[in-house]
Amino acid sequence: MPTPKDVDHLLRDGAAARATVGILAVIITVDGVDPNDPEGNIPLDKLLNGTIARVPRWENYSSDPANPDHLRVYWEQNGVKSLIHDGFYTPVDVLEIEVPISAAQMSTDGIAWLSYEVNDADVNPDPAPPRKLTIDHTQVPVQELKEAQFPHATLWGYLNCATRPPLSSGVTVKIPAQTFGRPDDLCLMEWQGYEALNAKVPIGGTFGEFQKLLNTEDILNGFELVVPFAKYVKDIKFFDDERKKDVFTGSALVIYRYYRGGRLVGESTPALVKIDRVLSGEVLPCYFAD
């Protein structure tokens, strides 16, 4: 772990510019990395195929396209700090900024530090604390886990206006029993909404992570997690160019992973659920006001 002096060094490009840092921005997250793992172990599949870092939308963001905020994301390893993302944003309609991290960027085993800094139009800095990442290409291959289930979906895999309990109460995801699991393993489930019924175009703001620390009953019988409707389901739709209107159909993919001692030990195949909130003969979809 870095000392306070090391952290200060990671967060600043020049001593004078960062003499008074103030409140730090929220730490960056990385897909596949357990947010509770201080070592930030990156799973082997992410090392081999690349992953996504996510910068949460910062407070007091600009809504003026003429004066956007400036986001820079940095990667530091073996004493070398490099800029891997440099962009200007007015993040009115997004909750996070996705920053791809390639397999090539993670090709060297060891410790890396990922951080970002936001400057507003007046060049006032808002740096985030660095995220420690552990890169190890020698780790054991991950166990394949059973696909998640959607107990309230139809036989054709749909959740719709007739779903009971109502879709507005959230989407129930069943994690099946896994003899591979152990008590105190961490289950981390990811949900991502898509425009099409076959999960083609991801929808910004519909990505969510949900976690549960496992006990013996969870392992033997499985357990359920509920994805809230308002934040992760309500905005699943696509824009019909011919009819010039939003159509409230789409889909979502669910993947869950087991972590043991901060290391990824199991991962499920993606599970698809289709979502259809169109009411025949009605202008608005069901649960529009929820």
Protein backbone atom coordinates (compact mmCIF):
# COMPACT_ATOMS: atom_id res chain seq x y z
CA MET A 1 0.00 0.00 0.00
CA PRO A 2 1.24 3.52 -0.75
CA THR A 3 2.03 5.94 2.03
CA PRO A 4 0.03 9.19 2.23
CA LYS A 5 2.95 10.82 0.46
CA ASP A 6 2.75 8.24 -2.34
CA VAL A 7 -0.99 8.79 -2.73
CA ASP A 8 -0.46 12.53 -2.93
CA HIS A 9 2.11 11.92 -5.68
CA LEU A 10 -0.30 9.74 -7.63
CA LEU A 11 -2.99 12.38 -7.52
CA ARG A 12 -1.04 15.32 -8.79
CA ASP A 13 0.85 16.34 -11.88
CA GLY A 14 2.70 19.14 -10.13
CA ALA A 15 3.24 20.01 -6.48
CA ALA A 16 2.05 23.58 -6.86
CA ALA A 17 -1.16 22.62 -8.65
CA ARG A 18 -2.12 20.15 -5.93
CA ALA A 19 -0.97 21.92 -2.79
CA THR A 20 -4.56 22.10 -1.62
CA VAL A 21 -6.53 19.12 -2.89
CA GLY A 22 -9.78 19.40 -0.94
CA ILE A 23 -12.46 16.69 -1.03
CA LEU A 24 -11.54 13.77 -3.28
CA ALA A 25 -13.84 12.36 -5.97
CA VAL A 26 -15.34 8.87 -5.64
CA ILE A 27 -12.88 6.05 -6.34
CA ILE A 28 -12.96 4.41 -9.77
CA THR A 29 -14.31 0.84 -10.15
CA VAL A 30 -13.23 -1.93 -12.51
CA ASP A 31 -15.49 -4.64 -13.94
CA GLY A 32 -14.65 -8.03 -12.47
CA VAL A 33 -12.75 -6.62 -9.51
CA ASP A 34 -14.34 -7.09 -6.10
CA PRO A 35 -14.91 -3.55 -4.75
CA ASN A 36 -14.21 -4.86 -1.24
CA ASP A 37 -10.83 -6.36 -2.18
CA PRO A 38 -8.10 -3.90 -1.11
CA GLU A 39 -5.59 -5.68 -3.38
CA GLY A 40 -7.82 -5.25 -6.45
CA ASN A 41 -7.15 -8.70 -7.93
CA ILE A 42 -8.07 -8.71 -11.62
CA PRO A 43 -9.63 -12.01 -12.84
CA LEU A 44 -7.71 -13.97 -15.46
CA ASP A 45 -10.41 -13.62 -18.13
CA LYS A 46 -10.33 -9.84 -17.75
CA LEU A 47 -6.54 -9.84 -18.01
CA LEU A 48 -6.74 -11.85 -21.24
CA ASN A 49 -9.69 -10.05 -22.83
CA GLY A 50 -9.65 -6.55 -21.34
CA THR A 51 -12.08 -4.92 -18.95
CA ILE A 52 -13.96 -1.68 -18.28
CA ALA A 53 -13.17 0.95 -15.66
CA ARG A 54 -16.12 3.07 -14.56
CA VAL A 55 -15.89 6.67 -13.38
CA PRO A 56 -19.01 7.63 -11.38
CA ARG A 57 -20.59 10.92 -12.39
CA TRP A 58 -19.01 13.54 -10.17
CA GLU A 59 -20.81 16.11 -8.05
CA ASN A 60 -21.43 19.61 -9.43
CA TYR A 61 -20.93 18.43 -13.01
CA SER A 62 -21.27 20.86 -15.90
CA SER A 63 -24.50 20.92 -17.90
CA ASP A 64 -23.20 23.56 -20.31
CA PRO A 65 -21.78 22.10 -23.55
CA ALA A 66 -19.80 25.30 -24.03
CA ASN A 67 -18.01 24.72 -20.71
CA PRO A 68 -17.59 20.97 -20.25
CA ASP A 69 -15.68 19.21 -17.48
CA HIS A 70 -12.31 17.68 -18.32
CA LEU A 71 -11.78 14.04 -17.29
CA ARG A 72 -8.35 12.41 -17.27
CA VAL A 73 -7.74 8.78 -16.25
CA TYR A 74 -4.25 7.60 -15.31
CA TRP A 75 -2.52 4.22 -15.11
CA GLU A 76 0.66 3.91 -13.03
CA GLN A 77 2.87 0.83 -12.88
CA ASN A 78 6.54 0.32 -12.05
CA GLY A 79 6.96 4.04 -11.43
CA VAL A 80 5.63 5.05 -14.86
CA LYS A 81 2.40 7.06 -14.98
CA SER A 82 0.50 7.28 -18.27
CA LEU A 83 -2.68 9.00 -19.41
CA ILE A 84 -5.10 6.38 -20.75
CA HIS A 85 -8.24 8.51 -21.17
CA ASP A 86 -8.65 12.20 -21.89
CA GLY A 87 -12.10 13.61 -22.64
CA PHE A 88 -14.54 16.48 -22.10
CA TYR A 89 -18.01 15.82 -20.68
CA THR A 90 -21.31 17.36 -19.72
CA PRO A 91 -22.66 14.18 -18.10
CA VAL A 92 -26.30 15.23 -17.74
CA ASP A 93 -27.74 11.97 -19.09
CA VAL A 94 -25.15 9.48 -17.83
CA LEU A 95 -24.36 8.14 -14.38
CA GLU A 96 -20.86 6.95 -15.21
CA ILE A 97 -18.13 7.18 -17.83
CA GLU A 98 -16.81 3.89 -19.23
CA VAL A 99 -13.07 3.65 -19.83
CA PRO A 100 -11.84 0.50 -21.63
CA ILE A 101 -8.66 -1.13 -20.30
CA SER A 102 -7.02 -3.39 -22.86
CA ALA A 103 -5.30 -6.71 -22.28
CA ALA A 104 -2.10 -5.06 -23.50
CA GLN A 105 -2.36 -2.43 -20.75
CA MET A 106 -2.52 -5.27 -18.20
CA SER A 107 0.14 -7.48 -19.75
CA THR A 108 2.78 -6.97 -17.04
CA ASP A 109 2.31 -8.82 -13.76
CA GLY A 110 2.59 -6.79 -10.57
CA ILE A 111 0.83 -3.86 -8.93
CA ALA A 112 -0.80 -1.01 -10.86
CA TRP A 113 -2.66 2.09 -9.70
CA LEU A 114 -5.68 3.50 -11.51
CA SER A 115 -6.89 7.04 -10.77
CA TYR A 116 -8.70 9.94 -12.37
CA GLU A 117 -9.05 13.68 -12.09
CA VAL A 118 -11.84 16.03 -13.10
CA ASN A 119 -11.32 19.70 -13.85
CA ASP A 120 -14.26 22.06 -14.31
CA ALA A 121 -14.34 24.99 -16.72
CA ASP A 122 -12.41 27.08 -14.20
CA VAL A 123 -9.71 24.36 -14.00
CA ASN A 124 -10.55 23.54 -10.38
CA PRO A 125 -9.21 19.99 -9.81
CA ASP A 126 -11.21 17.17 -8.21
CA PRO A 127 -8.83 14.18 -7.99
CA ALA A 128 -9.91 10.68 -6.95
CA PRO A 129 -7.92 8.37 -4.71
CA PRO A 130 -6.04 5.69 -6.68
CA ARG A 131 -7.40 2.16 -6.99
CA LYS A 132 -4.84 -0.58 -6.37
CA LEU A 133 -4.91 -3.39 -8.95
CA THR A 134 -3.09 -6.71 -8.76
CA ILE A 135 -2.13 -8.32 -12.07
CA ASP A 136 -1.31 -12.04 -11.99
CA HIS A 137 -1.42 -14.16 -15.15
CA THR A 138 -0.44 -17.32 -13.23
CA GLN A 139 -3.75 -17.64 -11.33
CA VAL A 140 -5.86 -20.81 -11.57
CA PRO A 141 -8.63 -20.82 -14.24
CA VAL A 142 -12.04 -19.77 -12.96
CA GLN A 143 -14.78 -22.36 -12.33
CA GLU A 144 -17.89 -22.05 -14.55
CA LEU A 145 -21.04 -21.53 -12.45
CA LYS A 146 -24.65 -22.29 -13.30
CA GLU A 147 -26.58 -19.61 -15.18
CA ALA A 148 -28.77 -17.24 -13.16
CA GLN A 149 -32.55 -17.70 -13.39
CA PHE A 150 -35.55 -15.36 -13.59
CA PRO A 151 -38.33 -17.14 -11.68
CA HIS A 152 -41.07 -14.68 -12.67
CA ALA A 153 -40.35 -14.68 -16.42
CA THR A 154 -42.60 -16.46 -18.91
CA LEU A 155 -41.63 -19.74 -20.60
CA TRP A 156 -40.31 -17.60 -23.46
CA GLY A 157 -38.11 -15.58 -21.11
CA TYR A 158 -40.20 -12.38 -20.93
CA LEU A 159 -41.00 -10.01 -18.09
CA ASN A 160 -44.00 -7.89 -19.06
CA CYS A 161 -47.02 -5.96 -17.82
CA ALA A 162 -48.69 -9.20 -16.67
CA THR A 163 -45.70 -10.33 -14.59
CA ARG A 164 -46.49 -11.07 -10.94
CA PRO A 165 -45.23 -9.75 -8.64
CA PRO A 166 -45.43 -6.59 -10.77
CA LEU A 167 -42.34 -5.53 -12.69
CA SER A 168 -42.42 -2.21 -10.83
CA SER A 169 -41.40 -4.05 -7.64
CA GLY A 170 -38.13 -5.07 -9.27
CA VAL A 171 -36.67 -8.03 -11.13
CA THR A 172 -36.02 -11.13 -9.04
CA VAL A 173 -32.85 -13.01 -10.00
CA LYS A 174 -32.34 -16.52 -8.62
CA ILE A 175 -28.77 -17.63 -8.05
CA PRO A 176 -28.98 -21.45 -8.12
CA ALA A 177 -27.40 -23.81 -5.62
CA GLN A 178 -23.66 -24.26 -6.21
CA THR A 179 -21.76 -27.11 -4.58
CA PHE A 180 -18.59 -25.23 -5.54
CA GLY A 181 -19.30 -22.36 -3.13
CA ARG A 182 -18.04 -22.00 0.43
CA PRO A 183 -19.35 -19.99 3.40
CA ASP A 184 -18.02 -16.41 3.33
CA ASP A 185 -17.50 -16.46 -0.44
CA LEU A 186 -18.67 -13.15 -1.90
CA CYS A 187 -21.21 -13.29 -4.72
CA LEU A 188 -21.06 -10.23 -6.98
CA MET A 189 -23.85 -10.00 -9.57
CA GLU A 190 -23.79 -7.64 -12.55
CA TRP A 191 -26.91 -6.43 -14.41
CA GLN A 192 -26.77 -4.57 -17.73
CA GLY A 193 -29.77 -3.35 -19.72
CA TYR A 194 -29.89 -3.39 -23.54
CA GLU A 195 -31.97 -1.79 -26.26
CA ALA A 196 -32.70 -4.96 -28.24
CA LEU A 197 -34.34 -8.21 -27.18
CA ASN A 198 -31.08 -10.02 -27.96
CA ALA A 199 -28.83 -7.75 -25.85
CA LYS A 200 -27.10 -5.90 -28.67
CA VAL A 201 -26.79 -2.24 -27.60
CA PRO A 202 -26.07 -1.50 -23.90
CA ILE A 203 -28.06 1.32 -22.32
CA GLY A 204 -26.13 3.85 -20.23
CA GLY A 205 -27.20 4.14 -16.61
CA THR A 206 -28.68 0.62 -16.43
CA PHE A 207 -25.55 -1.15 -15.20
CA GLY A 208 -25.70 -2.31 -11.60
CA GLU A 209 -23.71 -4.45 -9.17
CA PHE A 210 -25.29 -6.40 -6.31
CA GLN A 211 -23.49 -8.50 -3.74
CA LYS A 212 -24.11 -11.04 -1.00
CA LEU A 213 -21.81 -12.82 1.45
CA LEU A 214 -22.68 -16.50 1.22
CA ASN A 215 -23.69 -18.83 4.03
CA THR A 216 -24.27 -22.60 4.01
CA GLU A 217 -27.98 -22.24 3.20
CA ASP A 218 -27.22 -20.00 0.20
CA ILE A 219 -24.82 -22.61 -1.17
CA LEU A 220 -27.17 -25.57 -0.69
CA ASN A 221 -30.45 -23.92 -1.76
CA GLY A 222 -29.48 -20.90 -3.79
CA PHE A 223 -30.80 -17.42 -3.09
CA GLU A 224 -32.49 -14.43 -4.71
CA LEU A 225 -31.41 -10.86 -5.41
CA VAL A 226 -33.81 -8.12 -6.54
CA VAL A 227 -32.84 -5.52 -9.15
CA PRO A 228 -34.72 -2.24 -8.42
CA PHE A 229 -37.08 -1.15 -11.19
CA ALA A 230 -36.70 2.64 -11.11
CA LYS A 231 -32.92 2.74 -11.46
CA TYR A 232 -32.08 -0.29 -13.62
CA VAL A 233 -35.22 -1.41 -15.51
CA LYS A 234 -37.40 1.61 -16.21
CA ASP A 235 -35.06 3.08 -18.85
CA ILE A 236 -34.74 -0.14 -20.87
CA LYS A 237 -36.13 0.92 -24.25
CA PHE A 238 -35.09 1.89 -27.78
CA PHE A 239 -35.91 4.75 -30.13
CA ASP A 240 -37.88 3.71 -33.22
CA ASP A 241 -36.59 5.91 -36.06
CA GLU A 242 -39.58 5.18 -38.32
CA ARG A 243 -42.24 6.01 -35.74
CA LYS A 244 -40.09 8.67 -34.02
CA LYS A 245 -40.90 7.42 -30.54
CA ASP A 246 -39.50 5.39 -27.66
CA VAL A 247 -40.49 1.73 -27.61
CA PHE A 248 -40.31 0.17 -24.16
CA THR A 249 -38.92 -3.23 -25.03
CA GLY A 250 -35.40 -4.49 -24.51
CA SER A 251 -33.43 -7.01 -22.49
CA ALA A 252 -30.86 -7.47 -19.76
CA LEU A 253 -27.90 -9.74 -19.16
CA VAL A 254 -26.95 -11.03 -15.72
CA ILE A 255 -23.55 -12.46 -14.82
CA TYR A 256 -22.51 -13.36 -11.30
CA ARG A 257 -19.11 -14.23 -9.84
CA TYR A 258 -17.81 -15.85 -6.67
CA TYR A 259 -14.81 -14.33 -4.90
CA ARG A 260 -12.83 -16.11 -2.22
CA GLY A 261 -10.34 -14.08 -0.22
CA GLY A 262 -10.59 -11.32 -2.81
CA ARG A 263 -9.79 -13.65 -5.75
CA LEU A 264 -12.25 -14.64 -8.44
CA VAL A 265 -12.95 -18.38 -8.22
CA GLY A 266 -16.20 -18.80 -10.17
CA GLU A 267 -18.15 -17.07 -12.91
CA SER A 268 -21.50 -17.81 -14.53
CA THR A 269 -22.40 -17.75 -18.17
CA PRO A 270 -24.59 -14.73 -19.11
CA ALA A 271 -28.32 -15.10 -18.48
CA LEU A 272 -30.72 -13.18 -20.75
CA VAL A 273 -34.14 -11.87 -19.82
CA LYS A 274 -36.46 -9.99 -22.21
CA ILE A 275 -38.44 -6.99 -21.01
CA ASP A 276 -41.63 -5.78 -22.69
CA ARG A 277 -43.63 -2.92 -21.15
CA VAL A 278 -45.72 -2.13 -24.23
CA LEU A 279 -49.48 -2.09 -23.65
CA SER A 280 -51.56 -2.82 -26.75
CA GLY A 281 -53.54 0.24 -27.80
CA GLU A 282 -51.93 2.46 -25.14
CA VAL A 283 -49.56 5.37 -25.74
CA LEU A 284 -47.59 4.95 -22.50
CA PRO A 285 -45.98 1.76 -21.23
CA CYS A 286 -47.05 0.05 -18.04
CA TYR A 287 -45.51 1.45 -14.83
CA PHE A 288 -44.55 4.67 -16.63
CA ALA A 289 -45.24 6.76 -13.50
CA ASP A 290 -43.44 4.42 -11.06
